[in-house]
């Protein structure tokens, strides 16, 4: 799987509670509780480690909701984001993220690995927890009482220390370099970024996870998200290497000159505001949630925004007067009737086209 397709899959899977084991190898997980029909019993009791703590070991599908993975600042006001950071995100979005360092540089995601999650294998010991990712990145969370480095050499994945607060594992990470993005909208961070995670395995198959990002040099308010997910049994990680068979970067040219010249008036944008309900087959589940799910489209400060699955708000970049695209999340085409009233929109993904009917 090459880098762009993997990032698109991660974007689609962010915040999804559905198991994705069917995509990967079939390898029964030994020693796990199962129901009478042999299926993994995800509602069984939380397992305990040798030291009596909850054992977080396992392969997990974790990540924040897709709307926040696309725009991590969705709940902040413009005044709570440094002006230079707002402008940098706008520039990166206007180019459809063609300079995304994970794609063009084949570098680790850094804090985006923490928020986006994806498939993550947790290996727990009393002194250290290791988290492995499919792109061969990894994290070490030290539980031996050490403190974070006072003057760390900034690196891609940061430094992490943890402690137990009852049955909750609290992890603090710092020491990230400032060369990675926080989301698909290209929001930046400084080397002062600090991330706090609170892991709680509430039963055998479900993980509650709260993630807080603090970076006072860029954002005046902490950003807090729920990023939990489900155990993924009877399968395993499959590695991928970014540069292996890499054929995507040559196609990452951003918007064409013609598309960049598109200007949609506020009056036209206002006609697209509304709530749209997905019709037809359940496809594009990670975008729409399921058949019957709704998209809310709003207009703020001249920018059209879409709320995916009711979470976050993602800027919609114009490709024409009627076609818009949130980066990596398909394209959305507004359709008018003979009287010029917007009646529905067509949601284009790589696999299909869904119809979302305007409700109001």
Protein backbone atom coordinates (compact mmCIF):
# COMPACT_ATOMS: atom_id res chain seq x y z
CA UNK A 1 0.00 0.00 0.00
CA UNK A 2 1.60 3.30 -1.00
CA UNK A 3 1.70 6.39 1.18
CA UNK A 4 -1.16 8.44 -0.28
CA UNK A 5 -3.60 5.52 -0.31
CA UNK A 6 -2.64 4.71 3.28
CA UNK A 7 -3.23 8.29 4.43
CA UNK A 8 -6.58 8.33 2.66
CA UNK A 9 -7.54 5.08 4.37
CA UNK A 10 -6.52 6.51 7.72
CA UNK A 11 -8.54 9.64 7.06
CA UNK A 12 -11.59 7.57 6.25
CA UNK A 13 -11.09 5.33 9.29
CA UNK A 14 -10.48 8.10 11.83
CA UNK A 15 -13.04 7.83 14.57
CA UNK A 16 -14.66 4.75 13.09
CA UNK A 17 -15.73 2.08 15.56
CA UNK A 18 -16.00 -0.62 12.90
CA UNK A 19 -13.48 -3.44 12.83
CA UNK A 20 -11.27 -3.41 9.77
CA UNK A 21 -9.78 -6.86 10.27
CA UNK A 22 -11.29 -8.12 7.02
CA UNK A 23 -8.74 -6.04 5.11
CA UNK A 24 -5.77 -7.76 6.71
CA UNK A 25 -4.38 -11.20 7.46
CA UNK A 26 -6.57 -13.70 9.26
CA UNK A 27 -4.69 -14.87 12.34
CA UNK A 28 -6.74 -16.06 15.32
CA UNK A 29 -5.68 -14.30 18.49
CA UNK A 30 -4.78 -16.90 21.07
CA UNK A 31 -6.04 -16.85 24.64
CA UNK A 32 -8.85 -14.31 24.27
CA UNK A 33 -12.41 -14.77 25.58
CA UNK A 34 -14.87 -15.95 22.97
CA UNK A 35 -18.60 -16.43 22.73
CA UNK A 36 -20.24 -19.82 22.21
CA UNK A 37 -20.04 -19.39 18.43
CA UNK A 38 -16.28 -18.71 18.59
CA UNK A 39 -16.39 -14.99 18.05
CA UNK A 40 -14.21 -12.69 20.20
CA UNK A 41 -16.18 -11.57 23.27
CA UNK A 42 -15.44 -7.85 23.25
CA UNK A 43 -17.76 -7.32 26.23
CA UNK A 44 -15.71 -9.60 28.51
CA UNK A 45 -13.93 -8.24 31.57
CA UNK A 46 -10.83 -6.07 31.25
CA UNK A 47 -7.71 -8.28 31.45
CA UNK A 48 -5.14 -7.65 34.17
CA UNK A 49 -1.37 -7.56 33.86
CA UNK A 50 0.97 -9.39 36.23
CA UNK A 51 1.22 -6.29 38.44
CA UNK A 52 -2.57 -6.08 38.78
CA UNK A 53 -2.94 -3.10 36.47
CA UNK A 54 -5.32 -3.17 33.49
CA UNK A 55 -3.51 -4.76 30.56
CA UNK A 56 -3.79 -2.57 27.47
CA UNK A 57 -1.98 -5.09 25.27
CA UNK A 58 -3.60 -5.72 21.92
CA UNK A 59 -4.17 -4.46 18.39
CA UNK A 60 -6.43 -1.41 18.50
CA UNK A 61 -8.22 0.82 16.03
CA UNK A 62 -7.97 4.22 17.68
CA UNK A 63 -8.37 7.82 16.55
CA UNK A 64 -10.31 11.04 16.89
CA UNK A 65 -13.43 11.75 14.84
CA UNK A 66 -12.85 12.34 11.15
CA UNK A 67 -13.95 15.98 11.33
CA UNK A 68 -11.23 16.74 13.88
CA UNK A 69 -8.61 14.64 12.09
CA UNK A 70 -9.23 16.88 9.10
CA UNK A 71 -9.36 20.12 11.12
CA UNK A 72 -8.06 19.80 14.65
CA UNK A 73 -8.90 23.45 15.46
CA UNK A 74 -12.61 23.06 14.65
CA UNK A 75 -13.72 24.11 18.14
CA UNK A 76 -11.41 27.13 18.39
CA UNK A 77 -12.23 30.67 17.37
CA UNK A 78 -9.99 32.53 14.95
CA UNK A 79 -8.73 34.68 17.84
CA UNK A 80 -7.48 31.56 19.64
CA UNK A 81 -5.12 30.68 16.77
CA UNK A 82 -2.04 32.73 15.96
CA UNK A 83 -2.62 34.65 12.69
CA UNK A 84 0.46 33.16 11.04
CA UNK A 85 -0.81 29.64 11.84
CA UNK A 86 -4.23 30.40 10.34
CA UNK A 87 -2.65 31.72 7.16
CA UNK A 88 -0.28 28.76 6.91
CA UNK A 89 -3.18 26.32 7.19
CA UNK A 90 -5.14 28.22 4.52
CA UNK A 91 -2.16 28.06 2.17
CA UNK A 92 -1.65 24.35 2.73
CA UNK A 93 -5.36 23.66 2.22
CA UNK A 94 -5.48 25.77 -0.94
CA UNK A 95 -2.78 23.48 -2.35
CA UNK A 96 -4.62 20.36 -1.15
CA UNK A 97 -1.75 19.47 1.13
CA UNK A 98 0.70 18.78 -1.69
CA UNK A 99 3.58 19.51 0.73
CA UNK A 100 2.27 17.25 3.49
CA UNK A 101 5.50 15.96 5.05
CA UNK A 102 4.09 12.47 5.59
CA UNK A 103 3.47 12.15 1.85
CA UNK A 104 6.20 14.19 0.21
CA UNK A 105 8.86 13.57 2.85
CA UNK A 106 7.92 10.05 3.94
CA UNK A 107 8.51 11.06 7.55
CA UNK A 108 6.65 9.88 10.66
CA UNK A 109 3.40 11.64 11.59
CA UNK A 110 4.60 12.66 15.05
CA UNK A 111 1.65 13.97 17.10
CA UNK A 112 -0.66 13.08 14.21
CA UNK A 113 0.13 9.44 14.95
CA UNK A 114 -1.32 10.04 18.42
CA UNK A 115 -4.51 11.78 17.34
CA UNK A 116 -5.18 9.91 14.11
CA UNK A 117 -4.29 6.55 15.64
CA UNK A 118 -5.20 4.03 13.01
CA UNK A 119 -4.11 0.46 13.71
CA UNK A 120 -1.88 0.55 16.79
CA UNK A 121 -0.35 -2.47 18.51
CA UNK A 122 0.15 -1.92 22.23
CA UNK A 123 2.65 -4.10 24.10
CA UNK A 124 2.60 -3.55 27.86
CA UNK A 125 5.22 -4.37 30.49
CA UNK A 126 5.47 -2.98 34.04
CA UNK A 127 8.33 -0.62 33.10
CA UNK A 128 7.51 0.43 29.54
CA UNK A 129 4.66 0.35 27.03
CA UNK A 130 5.51 0.15 23.34
CA UNK A 131 3.09 1.19 20.58
CA UNK A 132 3.82 -0.04 17.06
CA UNK A 133 2.41 1.42 13.85
CA UNK A 134 2.17 -0.04 10.35
CA UNK A 135 4.62 2.44 8.86
CA UNK A 136 7.34 1.07 11.18
CA UNK A 137 7.09 4.06 13.52
CA UNK A 138 6.90 3.33 17.23
CA UNK A 139 6.44 4.98 20.61
CA UNK A 140 7.96 4.14 24.00
CA UNK A 141 6.03 5.15 27.12
CA UNK A 142 8.25 4.81 30.17
CA UNK A 143 6.57 3.81 33.43
CA UNK A 144 9.73 3.63 35.56
CA UNK A 145 9.25 6.99 37.27
CA UNK A 146 11.55 9.03 35.05
CA UNK A 147 10.66 12.61 34.12
CA UNK A 148 10.48 14.08 30.65
CA UNK A 149 13.83 15.45 29.44
CA UNK A 150 14.25 19.07 30.51
CA UNK A 151 16.01 20.08 27.28
CA UNK A 152 15.22 17.31 24.78
CA UNK A 153 16.70 16.94 21.36
CA UNK A 154 13.43 17.37 19.39
CA UNK A 155 12.44 14.26 17.47
CA UNK A 156 9.59 13.04 15.30
CA UNK A 157 7.60 10.99 17.82
CA UNK A 158 8.46 12.91 20.98
CA UNK A 159 9.30 11.52 24.41
CA UNK A 160 6.62 9.91 26.57
CA UNK A 161 6.33 9.06 30.26
CA UNK A 162 3.32 7.57 32.00
CA UNK A 163 1.81 6.76 35.35
CA UNK A 164 -1.33 5.03 36.61
CA UNK A 165 -4.20 7.00 38.08
CA UNK A 166 -6.32 4.16 39.39
CA UNK A 167 -7.24 2.11 36.32
CA UNK A 168 -6.38 4.96 33.92
CA UNK A 169 -2.97 5.25 32.27
CA UNK A 170 -1.93 8.92 32.01
CA UNK A 171 0.75 9.62 29.39
CA UNK A 172 2.56 12.94 28.90
CA UNK A 173 4.58 13.51 25.72
CA UNK A 174 6.83 16.41 24.70
CA UNK A 175 10.00 17.03 22.73
CA UNK A 176 8.42 16.93 19.27
CA UNK A 177 10.17 18.76 16.47
CA UNK A 178 8.06 21.35 14.65
CA UNK A 179 8.26 19.81 11.17
CA UNK A 180 5.04 17.79 11.31
CA UNK A 181 1.40 18.81 10.82
CA UNK A 182 -1.35 18.32 13.39
CA UNK A 183 -4.09 17.49 10.87
CA UNK A 184 -4.96 17.20 7.20
CA UNK A 185 -5.61 20.95 7.13
CA UNK A 186 -1.92 21.55 7.79
CA UNK A 187 -2.21 23.25 11.18
CA UNK A 188 1.29 23.67 12.60
CA UNK A 189 2.72 23.27 16.08
CA UNK A 190 5.82 24.48 17.88
CA UNK A 191 8.52 22.51 19.68
CA UNK A 192 6.71 23.46 22.88
CA UNK A 193 3.81 21.13 22.08
CA UNK A 194 2.76 18.92 24.98
CA UNK A 195 0.32 16.02 24.60
CA UNK A 196 -1.54 14.31 27.44
CA UNK A 197 -3.36 11.01 26.91
CA UNK A 198 -5.66 9.19 29.29
CA UNK A 199 -6.15 5.49 28.40
CA UNK A 200 -8.89 3.44 30.08
CA UNK A 201 -9.71 -0.06 28.89
CA UNK A 202 -13.31 -0.25 30.01
CA UNK A 203 -13.76 -3.92 29.02
CA UNK A 204 -12.00 -6.48 26.87
CA UNK A 205 -12.76 -4.89 23.50
CA UNK A 206 -13.18 -1.15 24.09
CA UNK A 207 -10.70 1.60 24.92
CA UNK A 208 -11.65 5.05 26.17
CA UNK A 209 -8.96 7.56 25.27
CA UNK A 210 -8.87 11.30 25.84
CA UNK A 211 -6.15 13.36 24.15
CA UNK A 212 -5.25 16.96 25.05
CA UNK A 213 -2.82 19.08 23.03
CA UNK A 214 -1.31 22.21 24.57
CA UNK A 215 0.85 24.61 22.55
CA UNK A 216 0.60 28.15 23.91
CA UNK A 217 2.92 29.50 21.22
CA UNK A 218 0.31 28.70 18.56
CA UNK A 219 -3.06 28.10 20.28
CA UNK A 220 -4.30 30.06 23.29
CA UNK A 221 -6.58 27.23 24.40
CA UNK A 222 -5.84 23.50 24.85
CA UNK A 223 -7.44 21.14 22.34
CA UNK A 224 -9.12 18.09 23.88
CA UNK A 225 -10.61 15.14 21.98
CA UNK A 226 -12.04 11.70 22.55
CA UNK A 227 -9.90 9.27 20.60
CA UNK A 228 -10.89 5.82 21.79
CA UNK A 229 -11.78 2.80 19.76
CA UNK A 230 -12.07 -0.97 19.54
CA UNK A 231 -9.84 -3.98 19.81
CA UNK A 232 -9.15 -5.61 16.43
CA UNK A 233 -8.78 -9.34 17.10
CA UNK A 234 -7.84 -12.26 14.82
CA UNK A 235 -5.51 -10.25 12.62
CA UNK A 236 -2.20 -8.41 12.84
CA UNK A 237 -0.25 -5.42 11.56
CA UNK A 238 1.04 -5.45 8.01
CA UNK A 239 4.01 -3.19 7.46
CA UNK A 240 4.28 -0.71 4.66
CA UNK A 241 7.27 1.35 3.61
CA UNK A 242 6.60 4.81 2.27
CA UNK A 243 9.12 4.77 -0.55
CA UNK A 244 8.39 1.25 -1.71
CA UNK A 245 6.71 1.44 -5.11
CA UNK A 246 6.06 5.15 -4.48
CA UNK A 247 4.16 6.63 -7.44
CA UNK A 248 2.01 9.32 -5.85
CA UNK A 249 4.18 12.37 -5.36
CA UNK A 250 4.40 13.18 -9.05
CA UNK A 251 0.61 13.55 -9.06
CA UNK A 252 0.47 15.83 -5.99
CA UNK A 253 0.31 19.17 -7.75
CA UNK A 254 -2.33 20.85 -5.61
CA UNK A 255 -5.09 22.72 -7.36
CA UNK A 256 -4.66 23.51 -11.01
CA UNK A 257 -4.26 27.12 -12.12
CA UNK A 258 -7.85 27.00 -13.36
CA UNK A 259 -9.10 25.74 -10.00
CA UNK A 260 -7.09 28.33 -8.09
CA UNK A 261 -8.76 31.03 -10.15
CA UNK A 262 -12.21 29.93 -8.98
CA UNK A 263 -13.95 32.55 -6.84
CA UNK A 264 -17.37 31.77 -5.44
CA UNK A 265 -19.36 34.76 -4.21
CA UNK A 266 -20.70 34.83 -0.64
CA UNK A 267 -24.21 35.00 -2.10
CA UNK A 268 -23.71 31.70 -3.93
CA UNK A 269 -22.02 30.09 -0.95
CA UNK A 270 -24.98 31.04 1.22
CA UNK A 271 -27.30 29.02 -1.02
CA UNK A 272 -25.38 25.85 -0.13
CA UNK A 273 -25.87 26.20 3.63
CA UNK A 274 -28.14 23.54 5.05
CA UNK A 275 -28.47 19.99 6.34
CA UNK A 276 -28.17 17.12 3.86
CA UNK A 277 -29.22 13.53 4.52
CA UNK A 278 -27.49 10.61 2.82
CA UNK A 279 -29.72 8.35 0.74
CA UNK A 280 -29.24 4.91 -0.76
CA UNK A 281 -26.66 2.19 0.04
CA UNK A 282 -24.61 2.43 3.19
CA UNK A 283 -21.29 2.95 1.36
CA UNK A 284 -18.82 5.67 2.26
CA UNK A 285 -19.51 4.81 5.89
CA UNK A 286 -16.48 6.57 7.24
CA UNK A 287 -17.63 9.77 5.56
CA UNK A 288 -21.31 9.67 6.21
CA UNK A 289 -21.47 7.28 9.16
CA UNK A 290 -24.25 5.22 7.52
CA UNK A 291 -27.33 5.55 5.39
CA UNK A 292 -29.51 8.29 6.84
CA UNK A 293 -26.58 10.21 8.33
CA UNK A 294 -26.59 13.98 7.89
CA UNK A 295 -24.04 16.53 6.76
CA UNK A 296 -24.34 20.08 8.05
CA UNK A 297 -22.91 22.75 5.74
CA UNK A 298 -22.26 26.21 7.20
CA UNK A 299 -20.70 29.48 6.11
CA UNK A 300 -18.30 31.32 8.40
CA UNK A 301 -16.19 34.35 7.47
CA UNK A 302 -16.66 33.62 3.77
CA UNK A 303 -15.55 29.98 4.14
CA UNK A 304 -17.85 27.06 3.41
CA UNK A 305 -17.53 24.35 6.10
CA UNK A 306 -18.87 20.82 6.37
CA UNK A 307 -19.49 18.90 9.58
CA UNK A 308 -18.65 15.25 8.91
CA UNK A 309 -20.62 12.81 11.04
CA UNK A 310 -21.64 15.76 13.18
CA UNK A 311 -18.07 16.27 14.43
CA UNK A 312 -15.63 19.04 13.69
CA UNK A 313 -15.88 21.41 10.78
CA UNK A 314 -13.81 20.97 7.66
CA UNK A 315 -13.09 23.74 5.12
CA UNK A 316 -14.48 23.05 1.65
CA UNK A 317 -12.11 24.25 -1.08
CA UNK A 318 -13.84 25.33 -4.32
CA UNK A 319 -12.99 23.52 -7.54
CA UNK A 320 -15.81 25.19 -9.48
CA UNK A 321 -18.94 27.14 -8.70
CA UNK A 322 -20.68 23.96 -7.54
CA UNK A 323 -17.91 21.46 -6.71
CA UNK A 324 -15.94 21.56 -3.43
CA UNK A 325 -13.44 19.29 -1.75
CA UNK A 326 -12.32 18.82 1.82
CA UNK A 327 -8.80 17.46 1.43
CA UNK A 328 -8.61 13.64 1.03
CA UNK A 329 -12.31 13.31 1.82
CA UNK A 330 -13.88 13.12 -1.61
CA UNK A 331 -15.67 15.91 -3.49
CA UNK A 332 -19.08 17.41 -2.87
CA UNK A 333 -21.19 18.72 -5.76
CA UNK A 334 -24.22 20.91 -5.09
CA UNK A 335 -27.14 20.35 -7.48
CA UNK A 336 -29.90 22.86 -8.23
CA UNK A 337 -33.42 22.39 -9.59
CA UNK A 338 -34.90 24.36 -12.51
CA UNK A 339 -35.67 27.26 -10.18
CA UNK A 340 -32.07 27.54 -8.99
CA UNK A 341 -32.77 26.05 -5.55
CA UNK A 342 -30.15 23.65 -4.18
CA UNK A 343 -31.96 20.33 -3.67
CA UNK A 344 -29.16 17.87 -2.94
CA UNK A 345 -25.49 17.24 -3.25
CA UNK A 346 -23.55 14.39 -4.80
CA UNK A 347 -20.82 12.93 -2.62
CA UNK A 348 -18.05 11.58 -4.85
CA UNK A 349 -15.54 9.11 -3.42
CA UNK A 350 -13.08 6.79 -5.11
CA UNK A 351 -15.61 3.94 -5.04
CA UNK A 352 -19.03 5.46 -5.56
CA UNK A 353 -21.32 8.48 -5.71
CA UNK A 354 -23.87 9.03 -2.94
CA UNK A 355 -26.80 11.40 -2.95
CA UNK A 356 -27.38 13.61 0.08
CA UNK A 357 -30.81 15.27 -0.05
CA UNK A 358 -31.22 18.73 1.43
CA UNK A 359 -33.49 18.66 4.48
CA UNK A 360 -33.42 22.33 5.33
